[in-house]
Amino acid sequence: MDATYVIYFMLLSGSVIFGFQTLLLGLGGRLFLLYRSDPRRTFKLASSLGLAIACLSILTAISFNLQPLYMCASVLAYMLPLSWVVSRCKMRLIKPAPPPMPPPIGDEEIKQILNKRGLDGLRNKEDKP
């Protein structure tokens, strides 16, 4: 088996790591928010990005008849533009969680709040009519 095929296999098997590196470069600290919201989606996105990077670098090496060292360097060359694309699509990838709704306030709690602030006289005037 030729050494280039071993390098092809290594690139393809490490493609998920390349995808995570691209996501980390593109999203920065928000990668953990994406992972916490949906881990499956994060792995799918990382594996697809990594596979695209590895396949593009292999195809570039084959088409230009590059040596294996240049093929490995082309991984970085493809990782940087894809991380820029990921950073531009940041808002589509990470959907902000809605703020938690406060529990409804009952009448007794409203009366207690008015009493604490000294506005219980206003409450009595409104209750009379």
N, C-alpha and C. Protein backbone atom coordinates (compact mmCIF):
# COMPACT_ATOMS: atom_id res chain seq x y z
N MET A 1 0.85 -1.17 0.00
CA MET A 1 0.00 0.00 0.00
C MET A 1 0.90 1.24 0.00
N ASP A 2 0.57 2.17 -0.83
CA ASP A 2 1.37 3.37 -1.00
C ASP A 2 1.17 4.32 0.18
N ALA A 3 2.15 5.16 0.47
CA ALA A 3 2.09 6.08 1.61
C ALA A 3 1.02 7.14 1.41
N THR A 4 0.75 7.49 0.17
CA THR A 4 -0.28 8.52 -0.05
C THR A 4 -1.67 8.00 0.33
N TYR A 5 -1.92 6.70 0.11
CA TYR A 5 -3.20 6.13 0.50
C TYR A 5 -3.36 6.10 2.02
N VAL A 6 -2.26 5.91 2.72
CA VAL A 6 -2.30 5.96 4.18
C VAL A 6 -2.65 7.38 4.64
N ILE A 7 -2.06 8.36 3.98
CA ILE A 7 -2.36 9.75 4.33
C ILE A 7 -3.81 10.10 3.97
N TYR A 8 -4.31 9.58 2.86
CA TYR A 8 -5.72 9.78 2.51
C TYR A 8 -6.62 9.23 3.61
N PHE A 9 -6.30 8.02 4.06
CA PHE A 9 -7.10 7.39 5.10
C PHE A 9 -7.02 8.19 6.40
N MET A 10 -5.84 8.69 6.72
CA MET A 10 -5.69 9.48 7.95
C MET A 10 -6.48 10.78 7.87
N LEU A 11 -6.47 11.40 6.71
CA LEU A 11 -7.24 12.64 6.55
C LEU A 11 -8.74 12.38 6.66
N LEU A 12 -9.19 11.32 6.03
CA LEU A 12 -10.62 11.02 6.08
C LEU A 12 -11.06 10.57 7.47
N SER A 13 -10.21 9.85 8.18
CA SER A 13 -10.60 9.41 9.52
C SER A 13 -10.55 10.56 10.52
N GLY A 14 -9.74 11.55 10.29
CA GLY A 14 -9.68 12.71 11.18
C GLY A 14 -10.53 13.87 10.72
N SER A 15 -11.42 13.61 9.80
CA SER A 15 -12.22 14.71 9.24
C SER A 15 -13.15 15.34 10.27
N VAL A 16 -13.62 14.57 11.25
CA VAL A 16 -14.50 15.14 12.27
C VAL A 16 -13.74 16.18 13.09
N ILE A 17 -12.47 15.90 13.36
CA ILE A 17 -11.65 16.84 14.12
C ILE A 17 -11.45 18.13 13.32
N PHE A 18 -11.24 18.00 12.01
CA PHE A 18 -11.11 19.20 11.17
C PHE A 18 -12.40 20.01 11.21
N GLY A 19 -13.54 19.32 11.23
CA GLY A 19 -14.82 20.00 11.30
C GLY A 19 -15.00 20.75 12.61
N PHE A 20 -14.61 20.12 13.71
CA PHE A 20 -14.71 20.80 15.00
C PHE A 20 -13.76 21.99 15.08
N GLN A 21 -12.59 21.86 14.49
CA GLN A 21 -11.67 23.00 14.46
C GLN A 21 -12.25 24.15 13.65
N THR A 22 -12.89 23.82 12.55
CA THR A 22 -13.51 24.86 11.73
C THR A 22 -14.65 25.53 12.48
N LEU A 23 -15.46 24.74 13.17
CA LEU A 23 -16.54 25.32 13.95
C LEU A 23 -16.01 26.18 15.09
N LEU A 24 -14.94 25.73 15.72
CA LEU A 24 -14.36 26.50 16.81
C LEU A 24 -13.77 27.81 16.30
N LEU A 25 -13.14 27.78 15.14
CA LEU A 25 -12.61 29.02 14.56
C LEU A 25 -13.74 29.96 14.14
N GLY A 26 -14.80 29.40 13.60
CA GLY A 26 -15.89 30.23 13.09
C GLY A 26 -16.82 30.74 14.16
N LEU A 27 -17.12 29.90 15.16
CA LEU A 27 -18.09 30.29 16.18
C LEU A 27 -17.45 30.80 17.45
N GLY A 28 -16.20 30.45 17.66
CA GLY A 28 -15.55 30.87 18.89
C GLY A 28 -16.15 30.15 20.09
N GLY A 29 -16.47 30.88 21.12
CA GLY A 29 -17.03 30.30 22.34
C GLY A 29 -18.46 29.84 22.20
N ARG A 30 -19.10 30.20 21.12
CA ARG A 30 -20.50 29.80 20.93
C ARG A 30 -20.64 28.37 20.45
N LEU A 31 -19.53 27.71 20.16
CA LEU A 31 -19.60 26.30 19.78
C LEU A 31 -20.18 25.48 20.92
N PHE A 32 -19.87 25.84 22.15
CA PHE A 32 -20.38 25.10 23.28
C PHE A 32 -21.88 25.32 23.47
N LEU A 33 -22.37 26.49 23.10
CA LEU A 33 -23.82 26.72 23.12
C LEU A 33 -24.52 25.87 22.08
N LEU A 34 -23.90 25.77 20.92
CA LEU A 34 -24.46 24.92 19.86
C LEU A 34 -24.47 23.46 20.29
N TYR A 35 -23.37 23.03 20.91
CA TYR A 35 -23.29 21.65 21.36
C TYR A 35 -24.29 21.37 22.49
N ARG A 36 -24.45 22.32 23.40
CA ARG A 36 -25.36 22.12 24.51
C ARG A 36 -26.81 22.09 24.05
N SER A 37 -27.14 22.86 23.01
CA SER A 37 -28.52 22.89 22.53
C SER A 37 -28.87 21.63 21.75
N ASP A 38 -27.94 21.13 20.92
CA ASP A 38 -28.23 19.93 20.13
C ASP A 38 -26.92 19.23 19.76
N PRO A 39 -26.47 18.24 20.55
CA PRO A 39 -25.19 17.58 20.27
C PRO A 39 -25.18 16.81 18.95
N ARG A 40 -26.29 16.21 18.58
CA ARG A 40 -26.34 15.46 17.31
C ARG A 40 -26.12 16.38 16.12
N ARG A 41 -26.78 17.50 16.16
CA ARG A 41 -26.65 18.46 15.07
C ARG A 41 -25.21 18.97 14.97
N THR A 42 -24.58 19.16 16.12
CA THR A 42 -23.20 19.63 16.14
C THR A 42 -22.27 18.60 15.52
N PHE A 43 -22.46 17.32 15.87
CA PHE A 43 -21.63 16.27 15.28
C PHE A 43 -21.87 16.13 13.78
N LYS A 44 -23.12 16.25 13.36
CA LYS A 44 -23.41 16.18 11.92
C LYS A 44 -22.75 17.33 11.17
N LEU A 45 -22.85 18.51 11.74
CA LEU A 45 -22.25 19.68 11.11
C LEU A 45 -20.74 19.57 11.06
N ALA A 46 -20.14 19.11 12.17
CA ALA A 46 -18.67 18.97 12.22
C ALA A 46 -18.20 17.89 11.26
N SER A 47 -18.92 16.77 11.18
CA SER A 47 -18.48 15.71 10.27
C SER A 47 -18.65 16.11 8.81
N SER A 48 -19.70 16.86 8.49
CA SER A 48 -19.87 17.28 7.10
C SER A 48 -18.83 18.32 6.70
N LEU A 49 -18.54 19.26 7.61
CA LEU A 49 -17.49 20.24 7.31
C LEU A 49 -16.13 19.56 7.18
N GLY A 50 -15.83 18.65 8.09
CA GLY A 50 -14.55 17.96 8.06
C GLY A 50 -14.40 17.09 6.82
N LEU A 51 -15.47 16.42 6.44
CA LEU A 51 -15.41 15.60 5.23
C LEU A 51 -15.22 16.47 3.99
N ALA A 52 -15.85 17.62 3.97
CA ALA A 52 -15.66 18.54 2.85
C ALA A 52 -14.21 19.02 2.78
N ILE A 53 -13.63 19.34 3.92
CA ILE A 53 -12.24 19.81 3.96
C ILE A 53 -11.30 18.71 3.50
N ALA A 54 -11.48 17.50 4.02
CA ALA A 54 -10.58 16.40 3.67
C ALA A 54 -10.72 16.04 2.19
N CYS A 55 -11.94 15.97 1.69
CA CYS A 55 -12.13 15.62 0.27
C CYS A 55 -11.59 16.70 -0.66
N LEU A 56 -11.79 17.95 -0.29
CA LEU A 56 -11.26 19.03 -1.12
C LEU A 56 -9.74 19.01 -1.16
N SER A 57 -9.11 18.75 -0.01
CA SER A 57 -7.64 18.72 -0.01
C SER A 57 -7.11 17.51 -0.78
N ILE A 58 -7.80 16.37 -0.70
CA ILE A 58 -7.37 15.19 -1.47
C ILE A 58 -7.56 15.43 -2.97
N LEU A 59 -8.69 16.01 -3.34
CA LEU A 59 -8.93 16.29 -4.76
C LEU A 59 -7.94 17.32 -5.30
N THR A 60 -7.59 18.30 -4.49
CA THR A 60 -6.59 19.29 -4.91
C THR A 60 -5.24 18.63 -5.12
N ALA A 61 -4.87 17.74 -4.20
CA ALA A 61 -3.57 17.06 -4.31
C ALA A 61 -3.53 16.15 -5.53
N ILE A 62 -4.64 15.49 -5.82
CA ILE A 62 -4.68 14.60 -6.99
C ILE A 62 -4.66 15.41 -8.28
N SER A 63 -5.45 16.48 -8.33
CA SER A 63 -5.55 17.24 -9.58
C SER A 63 -4.27 18.00 -9.92
N PHE A 64 -3.57 18.51 -8.90
CA PHE A 64 -2.33 19.25 -9.15
C PHE A 64 -1.08 18.40 -8.96
N ASN A 65 -1.28 17.13 -8.66
CA ASN A 65 -0.17 16.19 -8.47
C ASN A 65 0.80 16.70 -7.39
N LEU A 66 0.23 17.04 -6.24
CA LEU A 66 1.01 17.58 -5.13
C LEU A 66 1.58 16.46 -4.27
N GLN A 67 2.64 16.78 -3.57
CA GLN A 67 3.22 15.83 -2.63
C GLN A 67 2.35 15.80 -1.37
N PRO A 68 2.49 14.74 -0.56
CA PRO A 68 1.65 14.61 0.64
C PRO A 68 1.79 15.77 1.63
N LEU A 69 2.95 16.37 1.71
CA LEU A 69 3.13 17.49 2.63
C LEU A 69 2.23 18.66 2.23
N TYR A 70 2.15 18.94 0.94
CA TYR A 70 1.31 20.03 0.47
C TYR A 70 -0.17 19.69 0.62
N MET A 71 -0.48 18.42 0.52
CA MET A 71 -1.87 18.01 0.71
C MET A 71 -2.29 18.26 2.16
N CYS A 72 -1.41 17.98 3.10
CA CYS A 72 -1.73 18.24 4.51
C CYS A 72 -1.80 19.73 4.80
N ALA A 73 -1.00 20.51 4.12
CA ALA A 73 -1.06 21.96 4.29
C ALA A 73 -2.32 22.55 3.67
N SER A 74 -2.83 21.90 2.65
CA SER A 74 -4.05 22.41 2.02
C SER A 74 -5.27 22.23 2.93
N VAL A 75 -5.16 21.35 3.92
CA VAL A 75 -6.25 21.21 4.89
C VAL A 75 -6.43 22.53 5.63
N LEU A 76 -5.33 23.13 6.07
CA LEU A 76 -5.41 24.42 6.74
C LEU A 76 -5.90 25.50 5.79
N ALA A 77 -5.47 25.41 4.55
CA ALA A 77 -5.88 26.41 3.56
C ALA A 77 -7.39 26.35 3.31
N TYR A 78 -7.99 25.18 3.41
CA TYR A 78 -9.44 25.08 3.24
C TYR A 78 -10.19 25.32 4.54
N MET A 79 -9.54 25.11 5.67
CA MET A 79 -10.20 25.29 6.95
C MET A 79 -10.48 26.76 7.24
N LEU A 80 -9.57 27.62 6.88
CA LEU A 80 -9.75 29.04 7.18
C LEU A 80 -10.92 29.69 6.43
N PRO A 81 -11.06 29.47 5.10
CA PRO A 81 -12.24 30.07 4.44
C PRO A 81 -13.56 29.47 4.91
N LEU A 82 -13.56 28.17 5.21
CA LEU A 82 -14.80 27.57 5.69
C LEU A 82 -15.16 28.08 7.08
N SER A 83 -14.17 28.39 7.91
CA SER A 83 -14.48 28.97 9.22
C SER A 83 -15.03 30.38 9.05
N TRP A 84 -14.58 31.11 8.04
CA TRP A 84 -15.14 32.42 7.76
C TRP A 84 -16.61 32.30 7.35
N VAL A 85 -16.92 31.29 6.53
CA VAL A 85 -18.31 31.06 6.11
C VAL A 85 -19.17 30.70 7.32
N VAL A 86 -18.64 29.88 8.21
CA VAL A 86 -19.38 29.51 9.42
C VAL A 86 -19.62 30.73 10.28
N SER A 87 -18.65 31.61 10.40
CA SER A 87 -18.85 32.81 11.21
C SER A 87 -19.90 33.73 10.60
N ARG A 88 -20.03 33.73 9.29
CA ARG A 88 -21.05 34.54 8.64
C ARG A 88 -22.45 33.95 8.82
N CYS A 89 -22.53 32.64 9.01
CA CYS A 89 -23.82 31.96 9.21
C CYS A 89 -24.09 31.70 10.68
N LYS A 90 -23.44 32.43 11.55
CA LYS A 90 -23.52 32.19 12.99
C LYS A 90 -24.96 32.28 13.51
N MET A 91 -25.68 33.27 13.06
CA MET A 91 -27.03 33.48 13.58
C MET A 91 -28.00 32.40 13.12
N ARG A 92 -27.73 31.77 12.00
CA ARG A 92 -28.59 30.67 11.55
C ARG A 92 -28.29 29.38 12.29
N LEU A 93 -27.05 29.23 12.71
CA LEU A 93 -26.66 28.00 13.40
C LEU A 93 -27.12 27.99 14.85
N ILE A 94 -26.94 29.11 15.53
CA ILE A 94 -27.26 29.18 16.95
C ILE A 94 -28.51 30.00 17.12
N LYS A 95 -29.56 29.34 17.53
CA LYS A 95 -30.81 30.03 17.78
C LYS A 95 -30.86 30.39 19.26
N PRO A 96 -31.01 31.66 19.58
CA PRO A 96 -31.02 32.04 21.00
C PRO A 96 -32.24 31.47 21.71
N ALA A 97 -32.03 31.03 22.92
CA ALA A 97 -33.13 30.49 23.72
C ALA A 97 -34.01 31.64 24.19
N PRO A 98 -35.32 31.43 24.20
CA PRO A 98 -36.19 32.51 24.68
C PRO A 98 -35.98 32.71 26.17
N PRO A 99 -36.12 33.94 26.64
CA PRO A 99 -35.94 34.18 28.07
C PRO A 99 -37.05 33.49 28.86
N PRO A 100 -36.74 33.03 30.05
CA PRO A 100 -37.76 32.33 30.84
C PRO A 100 -38.86 33.31 31.28
N MET A 101 -40.07 32.85 31.22
CA MET A 101 -41.21 33.68 31.60
C MET A 101 -41.34 33.66 33.12
N PRO A 102 -41.57 34.82 33.71
CA PRO A 102 -41.76 34.84 35.16
C PRO A 102 -43.11 34.22 35.52
N PRO A 103 -43.21 33.65 36.70
CA PRO A 103 -44.50 33.06 37.08
C PRO A 103 -45.54 34.17 37.26
N PRO A 104 -46.80 33.84 37.02
CA PRO A 104 -47.84 34.87 37.18
C PRO A 104 -47.96 35.31 38.64
N ILE A 105 -48.27 36.58 38.82
CA ILE A 105 -48.38 37.15 40.16
C ILE A 105 -49.85 37.15 40.57
N GLY A 106 -50.12 36.63 41.75
CA GLY A 106 -51.48 36.59 42.27
C GLY A 106 -51.87 37.89 42.95
N ASP A 107 -53.16 37.99 43.32
CA ASP A 107 -53.67 39.21 43.95
C ASP A 107 -53.02 39.45 45.31
N GLU A 108 -52.80 38.41 46.06
CA GLU A 108 -52.21 38.57 47.39
C GLU A 108 -50.77 39.09 47.28
N GLU A 109 -50.04 38.62 46.29
CA GLU A 109 -48.67 39.10 46.11
C GLU A 109 -48.67 40.57 45.70
N ILE A 110 -49.63 40.98 44.89
CA ILE A 110 -49.72 42.38 44.49
C ILE A 110 -50.03 43.25 45.70
N LYS A 111 -50.91 42.78 46.57
CA LYS A 111 -51.23 43.54 47.78
C LYS A 111 -50.01 43.66 48.68
N GLN A 112 -49.23 42.60 48.80
CA GLN A 112 -48.02 42.64 49.63
C GLN A 112 -46.99 43.62 49.05
N ILE A 113 -46.85 43.63 47.73
CA ILE A 113 -45.92 44.54 47.09
C ILE A 113 -46.35 45.99 47.32
N LEU A 114 -47.66 46.27 47.21
CA LEU A 114 -48.16 47.62 47.44
C LEU A 114 -47.97 48.04 48.89
N ASN A 115 -48.17 47.12 49.81
CA ASN A 115 -47.96 47.43 51.23
C ASN A 115 -46.50 47.73 51.52
N LYS A 116 -45.60 47.00 50.91
CA LYS A 116 -44.17 47.23 51.14
C LYS A 116 -43.75 48.61 50.64
N ARG A 117 -44.32 49.05 49.57
CA ARG A 117 -43.93 50.33 48.98
C ARG A 117 -44.74 51.50 49.52
N GLY A 118 -45.67 51.22 50.39
CA GLY A 118 -46.47 52.29 50.99
C GLY A 118 -47.55 52.81 50.08
N LEU A 119 -47.99 52.04 49.16
CA LEU A 119 -49.02 52.47 48.21
C LEU A 119 -50.36 51.78 48.48
N ASP A 120 -50.55 51.29 49.68
CA ASP A 120 -51.80 50.58 49.97
C ASP A 120 -52.99 51.53 49.98
N GLY A 121 -52.75 52.81 50.21
CA GLY A 121 -53.83 53.80 50.15
C GLY A 121 -54.36 53.94 48.74
N LEU A 122 -53.52 53.84 47.75
CA LEU A 122 -53.98 53.92 46.36
C LEU A 122 -54.84 52.71 46.01
N ARG A 123 -54.48 51.59 46.56
CA ARG A 123 -55.24 50.37 46.27
C ARG A 123 -56.63 50.48 46.87
N ASN A 124 -56.73 51.03 48.09
CA ASN A 124 -58.04 51.16 48.74
C ASN A 124 -58.92 52.15 48.00
N LYS A 125 -58.36 53.23 47.45
CA LYS A 125 -59.15 54.20 46.70
C LYS A 125 -59.71 53.59 45.44
N GLU A 126 -58.95 52.72 44.81
CA GLU A 126 -59.43 52.10 43.57
C GLU A 126 -60.45 51.02 43.85
N ASP A 127 -60.40 50.38 45.02
CA ASP A 127 -61.35 49.32 45.34
C ASP A 127 -62.73 49.88 45.73
N LYS A 128 -62.81 51.12 46.22
CA LYS A 128 -64.07 51.69 46.73
C LYS A 128 -65.13 51.87 45.65
N PRO A 129 -64.86 52.39 44.45
CA PRO A 129 -65.98 52.65 43.51
C PRO A 129 -66.50 51.38 42.95
